[in-house]
Amino acid sequence: MSTTRPNAAPSPTPPPTVHLGTGSLTAVVVGSMVGAGVFSLPGQFAANTGVVGALIAWTIAGTGMLMLAFTFQALVNRKPHLDAGVYSYAKTGFGDLLGFFSAFGYWASACVGNVTYWVLIMSTLGAWIPALGDGDTVIAMLGATAGLWVTFLLVRRGVREAAAVNRIVTVAKLVPIVVFIVIALTVLDPEMFAANLFGGVDAGPLFDQVRGTMLVTVFAFLGVEGASVYSRHARRRADVGRATVLGFLSVLAVFASVTIVSYGVLPADEIAALREPSMAGVLEAAVGEWGAVLVSIALIVAVLGAYLAWTLMAAEVVFTAARDGDFPRVFATMSSRDVPTVALLGSTIFAQLVLVVAFFSEDVFGFALDLTSALALVPLLFAAGYLLKIAIRRDGYGPDAAGSPGVGASGSTDAAARRSRTRELVIGALATGYVIFLLLGAGLELLLISLIVQAPATLLYFLARRENGRLLIASRWDVVVLAVAFTGAVVAVVGLSAGWLGI
C-alpha cells in the first residue's frame, strides 16, 4: 500500500479525501454512542432509582448533552476550517499544549474504552463457550487480540469501506433494541409500573437517587462529538451539525425508552439484581429464553459497531494533531485509501497493551469505564469552553467581530448575528457548566489517575515541537499547565503506592 508523508514532495496523484454525507456521519455518532452501555441501563437505573428519578435524570443529562450537541453544531458553522473537533477547538482556543492534551486524552480514552468492548464480547460468549470464562482467560485474551487486529485490517482497507460497515452494523444493533422496547410496552403491567415510580424497597431520597444515576449517563453519551471529529470527510460542513443533533436525539430517545419501559416488566429490586446485561433478563422475563439470546446477540453486534466507530475517531484525532505539528509527524502518514495508517496502527498497539494489562486486573470493567469518561470529559470541556470564548469575544458574529470578516453589513443581518451570538453564548455557558458538573461527579481521584497517563505523553509533544523547529515551551502558561499535570501525576502515583488512591 503506497503512503505519503506530510513532509514529502507533492504527489502527482494525492490520495483523495473520502466524502461522507449526513447519513454516514449520523451513523458514526449513533455507532459510537450505542455500545455496551445501553444493555445495562435497566439494572443500573433500577439499582439507584425508580421511574420518577429516571425521568429527572434523563431530562438533566439529555439537556446537558443537547447543549454539547448544539456546541459542536455551532462550532462547525462558526469555524468550518477546523478539523477533528475536540482537538482543533482546544488548540485554537487555548493553545498548542492544551490542544495536545485534548488530542491525547481523547485518543487514550478511545483505546481504553475499546479494550472493555472486547473483554465484554468474550464475557458474553462465555455463556456458551466455557473456555472464555468471564472474558478473563487466556483464550479470551487471544480472542480479543484477534478482534483488535481484524478491525485494524478492516479500517486499513479504507474509510469508505469502514463507514459502509458501520452503517450496516448501526442498523443491525438498533433493530433488536427497538424490538425490546416494543415487546416491553406490549407486556407492560400498569400496577408494576406504578409500584416502581419511586424505586425499590431501600430507595433513598429522590435527590440522592438522581445523583446516583448521573454518572451512568456520562459513559452512555460519550461519542456525541463523533461527526465533528470526522469533519474533514464531510461532504458539506452543515452535514456535521445536522448529524450531531440528529444522532444525539435518536440515541436519547432509545436510551430513555429502554430504561423507562423496563419498570413495567419486573419490580425494581429484581431488575437491579439481574446479571448483566440486565436488558437480557428483562426480555427473558417478558418472552422467555429466546429474549435473552436476542439481547446477547444484539450486544455483540452493538459492541462491534461502537468499537469500529471509536477506532475510526481515535485514529482521526491523532492524524490531525500530527498534521498540525502537535504529534510526531510519522503519525500523519496517509495511505492511498485516505487512511491514517500509522495513527491507526498506534491506536491498535496501545489497545493491545491495555488489553494485556487488563488481563491481570481484578476489576477492569469499572475502572476502565470510569477512566474512559474522565479522559474524554476534559476534551469536551475545552470544546464547550471554546464556544463560550468566541461568543464572549464576538469572534465570527458580525462586522465588528475580532478576526472575522463578519456575516452581514447592517440592519436585519446584524440583528440576526446578535441573536445567534446570544443563543450560542447561552449554549456555551450551559455546556461548559454541565461538563464541569460531570467532572466533579467523576471525582478528583479519577482525574489524578488520568494524569498518570497524560503527563508522560508530553514527550510526544516535545518531539513534535523539536521536529518542527518550535520552542519546546512557548509561554508561561505552558509552564503552569505542565507543572499542574506532573504534580498531579506524582500525587496519583504516591496515592496509589500509599493506598489512599485505588483502582
Protein backbone atom coordinates (compact mmCIF):
# COMPACT_ATOMS: atom_id res chain seq x y z
CA MET A 1 0.00 0.00 0.00
CA SER A 2 1.55 3.32 -1.01
CA THR A 3 1.84 6.11 1.51
CA THR A 4 2.65 9.81 1.53
CA ARG A 5 4.27 11.74 4.35
CA PRO A 6 3.44 15.28 5.37
CA ASN A 7 6.97 16.49 4.54
CA ALA A 8 7.28 14.60 1.27
CA ALA A 9 7.26 16.18 -2.16
CA PRO A 10 3.80 16.65 -3.63
CA SER A 11 2.49 13.54 -5.31
CA PRO A 12 1.09 13.83 -8.82
CA THR A 13 -1.89 11.80 -7.68
CA PRO A 14 -2.51 12.63 -3.98
CA PRO A 15 -4.98 10.39 -2.17
CA PRO A 16 -8.45 11.89 -2.49
CA THR A 17 -10.38 12.69 0.64
CA VAL A 18 -13.37 10.39 1.04
CA HIS A 19 -16.56 12.42 1.48
CA LEU A 20 -19.39 11.26 3.75
CA GLY A 21 -22.97 12.53 3.82
CA THR A 22 -25.37 13.18 6.68
CA GLY A 23 -26.42 9.51 6.86
CA SER A 24 -22.89 8.17 7.26
CA LEU A 25 -21.92 10.88 9.74
CA THR A 26 -25.08 10.23 11.78
CA ALA A 27 -24.18 6.54 11.81
CA VAL A 28 -20.76 7.45 13.25
CA VAL A 29 -22.47 9.39 16.08
CA VAL A 30 -25.02 6.66 16.79
CA GLY A 31 -22.44 3.91 16.34
CA SER A 32 -20.06 5.47 18.85
CA MET A 33 -22.78 6.17 21.44
CA VAL A 34 -24.77 2.93 21.27
CA GLY A 35 -22.36 0.36 22.63
CA ALA A 36 -22.50 -1.97 25.59
CA GLY A 37 -23.93 0.60 28.00
CA VAL A 38 -27.49 0.58 26.67
CA PHE A 39 -27.87 -3.11 27.51
CA SER A 40 -27.03 -2.45 31.17
CA LEU A 41 -29.25 0.61 31.64
CA PRO A 42 -32.27 -1.21 33.19
CA GLY A 43 -30.20 -2.71 36.01
CA GLN A 44 -28.02 0.34 36.60
CA PHE A 45 -31.01 2.67 36.88
CA ALA A 46 -33.15 0.27 38.92
CA ALA A 47 -30.30 -0.08 41.44
CA ASN A 48 -30.48 3.66 42.11
CA THR A 49 -33.96 4.99 41.36
CA GLY A 50 -37.46 4.46 40.04
CA VAL A 51 -39.49 5.88 37.18
CA VAL A 52 -39.64 9.44 38.52
CA GLY A 53 -35.93 9.63 39.29
CA ALA A 54 -35.07 8.11 35.90
CA LEU A 55 -37.17 10.70 34.09
CA ILE A 56 -35.49 13.52 36.01
CA ALA A 57 -32.01 12.07 35.39
CA TRP A 58 -32.59 11.67 31.66
CA THR A 59 -34.03 15.19 31.48
CA ILE A 60 -30.94 16.67 33.14
CA ALA A 61 -28.48 14.53 31.18
CA GLY A 62 -30.39 14.99 27.94
CA THR A 63 -30.47 18.76 28.33
CA GLY A 64 -26.76 18.94 29.19
CA MET A 65 -25.67 16.72 26.32
CA LEU A 66 -28.04 18.51 23.94
CA MET A 67 -26.13 21.68 24.79
CA LEU A 68 -22.93 19.84 23.86
CA ALA A 69 -24.50 18.67 20.60
CA PHE A 70 -25.52 22.27 19.85
CA THR A 71 -21.98 23.32 20.79
CA PHE A 72 -20.44 21.14 18.10
CA GLN A 73 -23.09 22.24 15.61
CA ALA A 74 -22.34 25.92 16.32
CA LEU A 75 -18.57 25.46 16.15
CA VAL A 76 -18.77 23.68 12.82
CA ASN A 77 -20.75 26.63 11.45
CA ARG A 78 -18.57 29.34 13.04
CA LYS A 79 -15.20 27.67 12.42
CA PRO A 80 -15.67 25.44 9.36
CA HIS A 81 -11.93 25.37 8.65
CA LEU A 82 -11.17 23.45 11.86
CA ASP A 83 -10.99 19.65 11.51
CA ALA A 84 -11.12 16.85 14.11
CA GLY A 85 -13.46 18.62 16.52
CA VAL A 86 -12.32 18.30 20.13
CA TYR A 87 -8.62 18.60 19.31
CA SER A 88 -8.88 21.57 16.95
CA TYR A 89 -11.14 23.54 19.26
CA ALA A 90 -8.83 23.08 22.26
CA LYS A 91 -5.74 24.00 20.22
CA THR A 92 -7.27 27.08 18.60
CA GLY A 93 -8.94 28.32 21.75
CA PHE A 94 -6.38 27.52 24.43
CA GLY A 95 -3.01 26.87 22.79
CA ASP A 96 -0.89 24.05 21.38
CA LEU A 97 -0.18 22.30 24.69
CA LEU A 98 -3.80 22.02 25.78
CA GLY A 99 -4.63 21.01 22.20
CA PHE A 100 -2.14 18.16 22.59
CA PHE A 101 -3.61 17.14 25.95
CA SER A 102 -7.07 17.16 24.38
CA ALA A 103 -5.96 15.03 21.42
CA PHE A 104 -4.02 12.55 23.53
CA GLY A 105 -6.72 12.31 26.20
CA TYR A 106 -9.40 11.66 23.62
CA TRP A 107 -7.22 9.09 21.89
CA ALA A 108 -6.35 7.35 25.16
CA SER A 109 -9.99 7.26 26.26
CA ALA A 110 -10.97 5.62 22.98
CA CYS A 111 -8.25 2.99 23.28
CA VAL A 112 -9.08 2.17 26.92
CA GLY A 113 -12.79 2.04 26.13
CA ASN A 114 -12.19 -0.24 23.15
CA VAL A 115 -10.46 -2.81 25.33
CA THR A 116 -13.51 -3.11 27.59
CA TYR A 117 -15.63 -3.78 24.49
CA TRP A 118 -13.60 -6.85 23.58
CA VAL A 119 -13.47 -8.14 27.14
CA LEU A 120 -17.27 -7.77 27.30
CA ILE A 121 -17.70 -9.64 24.00
CA MET A 122 -15.60 -12.52 25.33
CA SER A 123 -17.57 -12.48 28.59
CA THR A 124 -20.90 -12.62 26.74
CA LEU A 125 -19.71 -15.51 24.56
CA GLY A 126 -18.51 -17.20 27.75
CA ALA A 127 -22.15 -18.09 28.49
CA TRP A 128 -21.92 -20.60 25.63
CA ILE A 129 -18.14 -21.21 25.47
CA PRO A 130 -16.90 -22.02 29.00
CA ALA A 131 -13.24 -21.63 27.97
CA LEU A 132 -13.82 -17.87 27.65
CA GLY A 133 -14.99 -17.59 31.26
CA ASP A 134 -15.88 -14.01 32.17
CA GLY A 135 -13.57 -12.66 29.48
CA ASP A 136 -10.55 -13.10 31.76
CA THR A 137 -9.00 -16.34 30.49
CA VAL A 138 -6.01 -16.78 28.18
CA ILE A 139 -8.33 -17.98 25.41
CA ALA A 140 -10.48 -14.88 25.87
CA MET A 141 -7.42 -12.60 25.67
CA LEU A 142 -6.29 -14.32 22.47
CA GLY A 143 -9.78 -13.94 21.00
CA ALA A 144 -9.86 -10.25 21.92
CA THR A 145 -6.41 -9.80 20.39
CA ALA A 146 -7.62 -11.36 17.16
CA GLY A 147 -10.58 -8.97 17.16
CA LEU A 148 -8.31 -5.95 17.61
CA TRP A 149 -6.17 -6.81 14.61
CA VAL A 150 -9.01 -7.91 12.33
CA THR A 151 -10.60 -4.50 12.91
CA PHE A 152 -7.26 -2.84 12.14
CA LEU A 153 -7.14 -4.66 8.80
CA LEU A 154 -10.75 -3.69 8.03
CA VAL A 155 -10.24 0.03 8.70
CA ARG A 156 -6.90 -0.06 6.86
CA ARG A 157 -8.79 -1.03 3.71
CA GLY A 158 -10.32 2.42 3.56
CA VAL A 159 -12.61 4.95 5.23
CA ARG A 160 -15.42 4.38 2.75
CA GLU A 161 -15.46 0.62 3.39
CA ALA A 162 -15.32 1.11 7.18
CA ALA A 163 -18.11 3.70 7.07
CA ALA A 164 -20.28 1.35 4.99
CA VAL A 165 -19.78 -1.46 7.52
CA ASN A 166 -20.55 0.98 10.33
CA ARG A 167 -23.87 1.95 8.70
CA ILE A 168 -24.89 -1.71 8.41
CA VAL A 169 -23.84 -2.53 11.97
CA THR A 170 -25.64 0.55 13.34
CA VAL A 171 -28.93 -0.58 11.80
CA ALA A 172 -28.34 -4.19 12.89
CA LYS A 173 -27.86 -3.26 16.53
CA LEU A 174 -30.73 -0.78 16.71
CA VAL A 175 -33.35 -3.24 15.44
CA PRO A 176 -33.14 -5.63 18.47
CA ILE A 177 -33.21 -2.64 20.86
CA VAL A 178 -36.36 -1.31 19.20
CA VAL A 179 -37.83 -4.83 19.38
CA PHE A 180 -37.09 -4.87 23.12
CA ILE A 181 -38.88 -1.54 23.61
CA VAL A 182 -41.94 -2.65 21.61
CA ILE A 183 -42.23 -6.01 23.42
CA ALA A 184 -41.78 -4.38 26.84
CA LEU A 185 -44.57 -1.92 26.00
CA THR A 186 -46.93 -4.74 24.96
CA VAL A 187 -46.43 -6.64 28.24
CA LEU A 188 -46.17 -3.55 30.46
CA ASP A 189 -48.07 -4.04 33.74
CA PRO A 190 -49.56 -0.69 34.89
CA GLU A 191 -49.63 -1.81 38.53
CA MET A 192 -45.97 -2.87 38.37
CA PHE A 193 -45.06 0.41 36.71
CA ALA A 194 -46.87 2.39 39.43
CA ALA A 195 -45.16 0.39 42.17
CA ASN A 196 -41.78 1.30 40.66
CA LEU A 197 -42.44 5.05 40.49
CA PHE A 198 -40.08 5.83 43.36
CA GLY A 199 -37.69 2.89 43.20
CA GLY A 200 -37.19 -0.27 45.17
CA VAL A 201 -37.69 -1.05 48.83
CA ASP A 202 -34.46 0.61 50.00
CA ALA A 203 -34.64 3.66 47.72
CA GLY A 204 -33.46 6.82 49.45
CA PRO A 205 -34.38 10.49 48.93
CA LEU A 206 -35.19 11.46 45.35
CA PHE A 207 -32.21 13.81 45.11
CA ASP A 208 -29.80 11.00 46.07
CA GLN A 209 -31.49 8.68 43.59
CA VAL A 210 -30.98 11.12 40.73
CA ARG A 211 -27.39 11.85 41.73
CA GLY A 212 -26.66 8.11 41.78
CA THR A 213 -27.74 7.74 38.15
CA MET A 214 -25.99 10.79 36.68
CA LEU A 215 -22.61 9.11 36.24
CA VAL A 216 -24.36 6.24 34.48
CA THR A 217 -25.38 8.67 31.75
CA VAL A 218 -21.84 10.04 31.26
CA PHE A 219 -20.39 6.96 29.60
CA ALA A 220 -23.64 6.33 27.73
CA PHE A 221 -23.43 9.68 25.92
CA LEU A 222 -19.74 9.67 25.03
CA GLY A 223 -19.48 9.86 21.24
CA VAL A 224 -21.83 12.80 20.67
CA GLU A 225 -18.82 14.58 19.16
CA GLY A 226 -18.22 11.80 16.61
CA ALA A 227 -19.31 13.67 13.48
CA SER A 228 -17.17 16.72 14.30
CA VAL A 229 -14.12 14.50 14.82
CA TYR A 230 -14.56 13.25 11.26
CA SER A 231 -15.42 16.67 9.82
CA ARG A 232 -12.72 16.68 7.13
CA HIS A 233 -14.63 13.86 5.43
CA ALA A 234 -17.98 15.70 5.44
CA ARG A 235 -19.50 16.31 2.01
CA ARG A 236 -20.83 19.61 3.38
CA ARG A 237 -19.85 21.18 6.69
CA ALA A 238 -23.52 21.71 7.51
CA ASP A 239 -23.92 17.91 7.45
CA VAL A 240 -21.69 17.66 10.55
CA GLY A 241 -24.02 19.77 12.69
CA ARG A 242 -27.14 18.01 11.41
CA ALA A 243 -25.63 14.58 12.04
CA THR A 244 -24.57 15.53 15.58
CA VAL A 245 -28.01 16.73 16.65
CA LEU A 246 -29.93 14.01 14.77
CA GLY A 247 -27.71 11.25 16.15
CA PHE A 248 -27.94 12.57 19.70
CA LEU A 249 -31.74 12.93 19.71
CA SER A 250 -32.13 9.42 18.26
CA VAL A 251 -29.88 7.90 20.92
CA LEU A 252 -31.51 9.85 23.77
CA ALA A 253 -34.92 8.53 22.73
CA VAL A 254 -33.60 4.97 22.66
CA PHE A 255 -31.76 5.16 25.99
CA ALA A 256 -34.64 6.76 27.88
CA SER A 257 -37.17 4.32 26.39
CA VAL A 258 -35.11 1.25 27.31
CA THR A 259 -34.84 2.50 30.88
CA ILE A 260 -38.48 3.50 31.45
CA VAL A 261 -40.30 0.54 29.84
CA SER A 262 -38.30 -1.93 31.93
CA TYR A 263 -40.05 -0.70 35.08
CA GLY A 264 -43.31 -2.14 33.74
CA VAL A 265 -41.96 -5.70 33.43
CA LEU A 266 -40.32 -6.51 36.78
CA PRO A 267 -40.04 -4.95 40.26
CA ALA A 268 -37.13 -2.50 40.51
CA ASP A 269 -35.31 -4.65 43.08
CA GLU A 270 -35.44 -7.68 40.76
CA ILE A 271 -34.21 -5.63 37.79
CA ALA A 272 -31.31 -4.34 39.91
CA ALA A 273 -30.36 -7.92 40.85
CA LEU A 274 -30.27 -9.19 37.26
CA ARG A 275 -26.98 -10.38 35.79
CA GLU A 276 -25.54 -8.05 33.15
CA PRO A 277 -26.61 -7.34 30.51
CA SER A 278 -29.76 -6.64 32.52
CA MET A 279 -31.78 -5.97 29.35
CA ALA A 280 -31.48 -9.69 28.58
CA GLY A 281 -33.03 -10.61 31.93
CA VAL A 282 -35.91 -8.17 31.45
CA LEU A 283 -36.72 -9.51 27.98
CA GLU A 284 -36.39 -13.10 29.18
CA ALA A 285 -38.97 -12.35 31.89
CA ALA A 286 -41.27 -10.96 29.20
CA VAL A 287 -41.00 -13.58 26.43
CA GLY A 288 -38.80 -16.43 27.62
CA GLU A 289 -35.26 -17.65 26.95
CA TRP A 290 -35.13 -16.54 23.33
CA GLY A 291 -35.33 -12.94 24.55
CA ALA A 292 -32.04 -13.29 26.43
CA VAL A 293 -30.41 -14.84 23.37
CA LEU A 294 -31.61 -11.99 21.16
CA VAL A 295 -30.20 -9.36 23.53
CA SER A 296 -26.87 -11.19 23.80
CA ILE A 297 -26.51 -11.25 20.02
CA ALA A 298 -27.51 -7.59 19.80
CA LEU A 299 -24.95 -6.71 22.47
CA ILE A 300 -22.13 -8.31 20.50
CA VAL A 301 -23.19 -6.51 17.31
CA ALA A 302 -23.54 -3.19 19.19
CA VAL A 303 -20.13 -3.51 20.81
CA LEU A 304 -18.51 -4.33 17.47
CA GLY A 305 -20.16 -1.28 15.91
CA ALA A 306 -19.09 1.03 18.76
CA TYR A 307 -15.57 -0.36 18.59
CA LEU A 308 -15.36 0.32 14.85
CA ALA A 309 -16.65 3.89 15.27
CA TRP A 310 -14.24 4.66 18.11
CA THR A 311 -11.32 3.15 16.18
CA LEU A 312 -12.08 5.50 13.27
CA MET A 313 -12.32 8.55 15.55
CA ALA A 314 -9.22 7.78 17.63
CA ALA A 315 -7.00 7.47 14.55
CA GLU A 316 -8.51 10.61 13.01
CA VAL A 317 -7.74 12.81 16.03
CA VAL A 318 -4.11 11.66 16.23
CA PHE A 319 -3.65 12.10 12.46
CA THR A 320 -4.95 15.69 12.56
CA ALA A 321 -2.75 16.54 15.57
CA ALA A 322 0.30 15.15 13.74
CA ARG A 323 -0.60 17.05 10.57
CA ASP A 324 -0.71 20.26 12.65
CA GLY A 325 2.66 19.52 14.26
CA ASP A 326 1.44 18.62 17.76
CA PHE A 327 2.21 14.89 17.41
CA PRO A 328 5.34 13.44 15.78
CA ARG A 329 4.93 13.72 12.01
CA VAL A 330 5.09 9.95 11.50
CA PHE A 331 1.50 9.80 12.82
CA ALA A 332 0.41 11.92 9.82
CA THR A 333 1.34 9.19 7.36
CA MET A 334 -1.59 8.75 4.99
CA SER A 335 -2.35 5.75 2.80
CA SER A 336 -3.57 5.90 -0.78
CA ARG A 337 -7.01 4.95 0.59
CA ASP A 338 -7.19 8.09 2.78
CA VAL A 339 -6.48 6.13 5.96
CA PRO A 340 -4.04 7.45 8.63
CA THR A 341 -2.20 4.14 8.79
CA VAL A 342 0.40 4.91 11.46
CA ALA A 343 -2.17 6.59 13.72
CA LEU A 344 -4.40 3.55 13.26
CA LEU A 345 -1.51 1.19 13.99
CA GLY A 346 -0.56 3.20 17.07
CA SER A 347 -4.15 3.04 18.34
CA THR A 348 -4.24 -0.74 17.90
CA ILE A 349 -0.88 -1.25 19.63
CA PHE A 350 -1.98 0.98 22.52
CA ALA A 351 -5.21 -1.00 22.87
CA GLN A 352 -3.23 -4.25 22.75
CA LEU A 353 -1.01 -3.10 25.63
CA VAL A 354 -4.04 -2.05 27.70
CA LEU A 355 -5.64 -5.45 26.97
CA VAL A 356 -2.59 -7.27 28.33
CA VAL A 357 -2.56 -5.10 31.47
CA ALA A 358 -6.31 -5.60 31.89
CA PHE A 359 -5.80 -9.37 31.86
CA PHE A 360 -4.02 -9.05 35.21
CA SER A 361 -6.56 -6.62 36.70
CA GLU A 362 -9.29 -7.66 39.12
CA ASP A 363 -11.89 -5.04 38.16
CA VAL A 364 -11.04 -3.95 34.64
CA PHE A 365 -14.62 -3.01 33.70
CA GLY A 366 -15.48 -0.45 36.36
CA PHE A 367 -12.07 1.20 36.41
CA ALA A 368 -11.67 1.30 32.62
CA LEU A 369 -15.14 2.77 32.08
CA ASP A 370 -14.58 5.45 34.72
CA LEU A 371 -11.12 6.28 33.34
CA THR A 372 -12.55 6.46 29.82
CA SER A 373 -15.10 9.02 30.99
CA ALA A 374 -12.53 11.10 32.89
CA LEU A 375 -10.14 11.20 29.91
CA ALA A 376 -12.92 12.11 27.44
CA LEU A 377 -14.62 14.78 29.55
CA VAL A 378 -11.62 17.14 29.53
CA PRO A 379 -11.60 17.47 25.69
CA LEU A 380 -15.36 18.08 25.82
CA LEU A 381 -14.75 20.83 28.39
CA PHE A 382 -12.29 22.56 26.06
CA ALA A 383 -14.76 22.39 23.16
CA ALA A 384 -17.59 23.90 25.21
CA GLY A 385 -15.21 26.50 26.61
CA TYR A 386 -14.10 27.46 23.10
CA LEU A 387 -17.67 28.24 22.02
CA LEU A 388 -18.14 30.31 25.18
CA LYS A 389 -14.88 32.14 24.44
CA ILE A 390 -15.67 33.06 20.83
CA ALA A 391 -19.19 34.15 21.79
CA ILE A 392 -17.84 36.44 24.53
CA ARG A 393 -15.26 37.90 22.12
CA ARG A 394 -17.77 38.25 19.24
CA ASP A 395 -15.47 36.13 17.07
CA GLY A 396 -17.48 35.44 13.91
CA TYR A 397 -20.76 37.16 14.76
CA GLY A 398 -20.74 40.33 12.68
CA PRO A 399 -18.65 43.05 11.04
CA ASP A 400 -17.18 44.07 14.40
CA ALA A 401 -16.11 40.52 15.24
CA ALA A 402 -12.50 40.06 16.19
CA GLY A 403 -10.65 38.24 13.47
CA SER A 404 -13.81 37.68 11.42
CA PRO A 405 -14.98 39.17 8.15
CA GLY A 406 -18.50 39.25 9.58
CA VAL A 407 -21.75 37.74 8.46
CA GLY A 408 -23.53 40.86 7.37
CA ALA A 409 -23.27 44.60 6.91
CA SER A 410 -26.24 46.15 8.66
CA GLY A 411 -29.91 46.05 9.56
CA SER A 412 -31.57 42.68 9.91
CA THR A 413 -28.31 40.81 9.29
CA ASP A 414 -26.69 42.48 12.31
CA ALA A 415 -29.77 41.71 14.41
CA ALA A 416 -29.60 38.06 13.33
CA ALA A 417 -25.91 37.95 14.24
CA ARG A 418 -26.67 39.36 17.71
CA ARG A 419 -29.40 36.78 18.25
CA SER A 420 -27.06 33.97 17.16
CA ARG A 421 -24.34 35.22 19.48
CA THR A 422 -26.73 35.42 22.43
CA ARG A 423 -28.05 31.93 21.72
CA GLU A 424 -24.58 30.43 21.42
CA LEU A 425 -23.33 32.31 24.48
CA VAL A 426 -26.08 30.59 26.49
CA ILE A 427 -25.33 27.22 24.87
CA GLY A 428 -21.60 27.56 25.57
CA ALA A 429 -22.19 28.55 29.19
CA LEU A 430 -24.64 25.69 29.84
CA ALA A 431 -22.45 23.11 28.09
CA THR A 432 -19.34 24.26 29.99
CA GLY A 433 -21.18 24.17 33.29
CA TYR A 434 -22.57 20.72 32.58
CA VAL A 435 -19.14 19.21 31.78
CA ILE A 436 -17.66 20.78 34.93
CA PHE A 437 -20.54 19.22 36.90
CA LEU A 438 -19.72 15.82 35.37
CA LEU A 439 -16.01 16.17 36.13
CA LEU A 440 -16.80 17.00 39.75
CA GLY A 441 -19.10 13.98 39.82
CA ALA A 442 -16.34 11.74 38.45
CA GLY A 443 -14.18 12.80 41.39
CA LEU A 444 -10.66 14.13 41.89
CA GLU A 445 -9.34 10.58 42.26
CA LEU A 446 -10.03 9.67 38.63
CA LEU A 447 -8.68 12.98 37.34
CA LEU A 448 -5.42 12.40 39.23
CA ILE A 449 -5.10 8.85 37.92
CA SER A 450 -5.74 10.06 34.36
CA LEU A 451 -2.71 12.37 34.72
CA ILE A 452 -0.52 9.29 35.15
CA VAL A 453 -1.39 8.55 31.52
CA GLN A 454 -1.33 12.17 30.31
CA ALA A 455 1.85 13.58 31.86
CA PRO A 456 4.41 11.14 30.37
CA ALA A 457 2.76 11.55 26.96
CA THR A 458 4.10 15.11 26.77
CA LEU A 459 7.30 13.50 25.45
CA LEU A 460 5.43 13.07 22.15
CA TYR A 461 4.54 16.76 22.22
CA PHE A 462 8.15 17.81 22.77
CA LEU A 463 9.34 15.51 19.98
CA ALA A 464 6.81 17.09 17.62
CA ARG A 465 7.89 20.60 18.64
CA ARG A 466 11.52 19.73 18.02
CA GLU A 467 10.74 18.21 14.60
CA ASN A 468 9.04 21.44 13.55
CA GLY A 469 11.68 23.79 14.96
CA ARG A 470 9.39 25.27 17.60
CA LEU A 471 10.16 26.29 21.15
CA LEU A 472 9.54 23.35 23.47
CA ILE A 473 7.74 25.63 25.93
CA ALA A 474 6.02 28.53 24.21
CA SER A 475 4.71 30.55 27.16
CA ARG A 476 4.49 30.89 30.93
CA TRP A 477 1.01 29.40 30.68
CA ASP A 478 2.57 26.20 29.31
CA VAL A 479 4.84 26.07 32.36
CA VAL A 480 1.79 26.29 34.63
CA VAL A 481 -0.06 23.56 32.71
CA LEU A 482 2.95 21.23 32.76
CA ALA A 483 3.54 21.87 36.46
CA VAL A 484 -0.08 21.01 37.29
CA ALA A 485 -0.02 17.88 35.10
CA PHE A 486 3.21 16.46 36.52
CA THR A 487 2.36 17.40 40.10
CA GLY A 488 -0.98 15.66 39.75
CA ALA A 489 0.68 12.58 38.24
CA VAL A 490 3.19 12.41 41.13
CA VAL A 491 0.41 12.81 43.69
CA ALA A 492 -1.52 10.00 41.97
CA VAL A 493 1.49 7.66 41.99
CA VAL A 494 2.14 8.37 45.66
CA GLY A 495 -1.53 7.89 46.44
CA LEU A 496 -1.66 4.51 44.68
CA SER A 497 1.53 3.41 46.46
CA ALA A 498 0.27 4.55 49.85
CA GLY A 499 -3.16 3.06 49.31
CA TRP A 500 -5.29 6.20 49.69
CA LEU A 501 -5.97 6.10 45.95
CA GLY A 502 -7.34 2.92 44.42
CA ILE A 503 -8.03 1.48 41.00
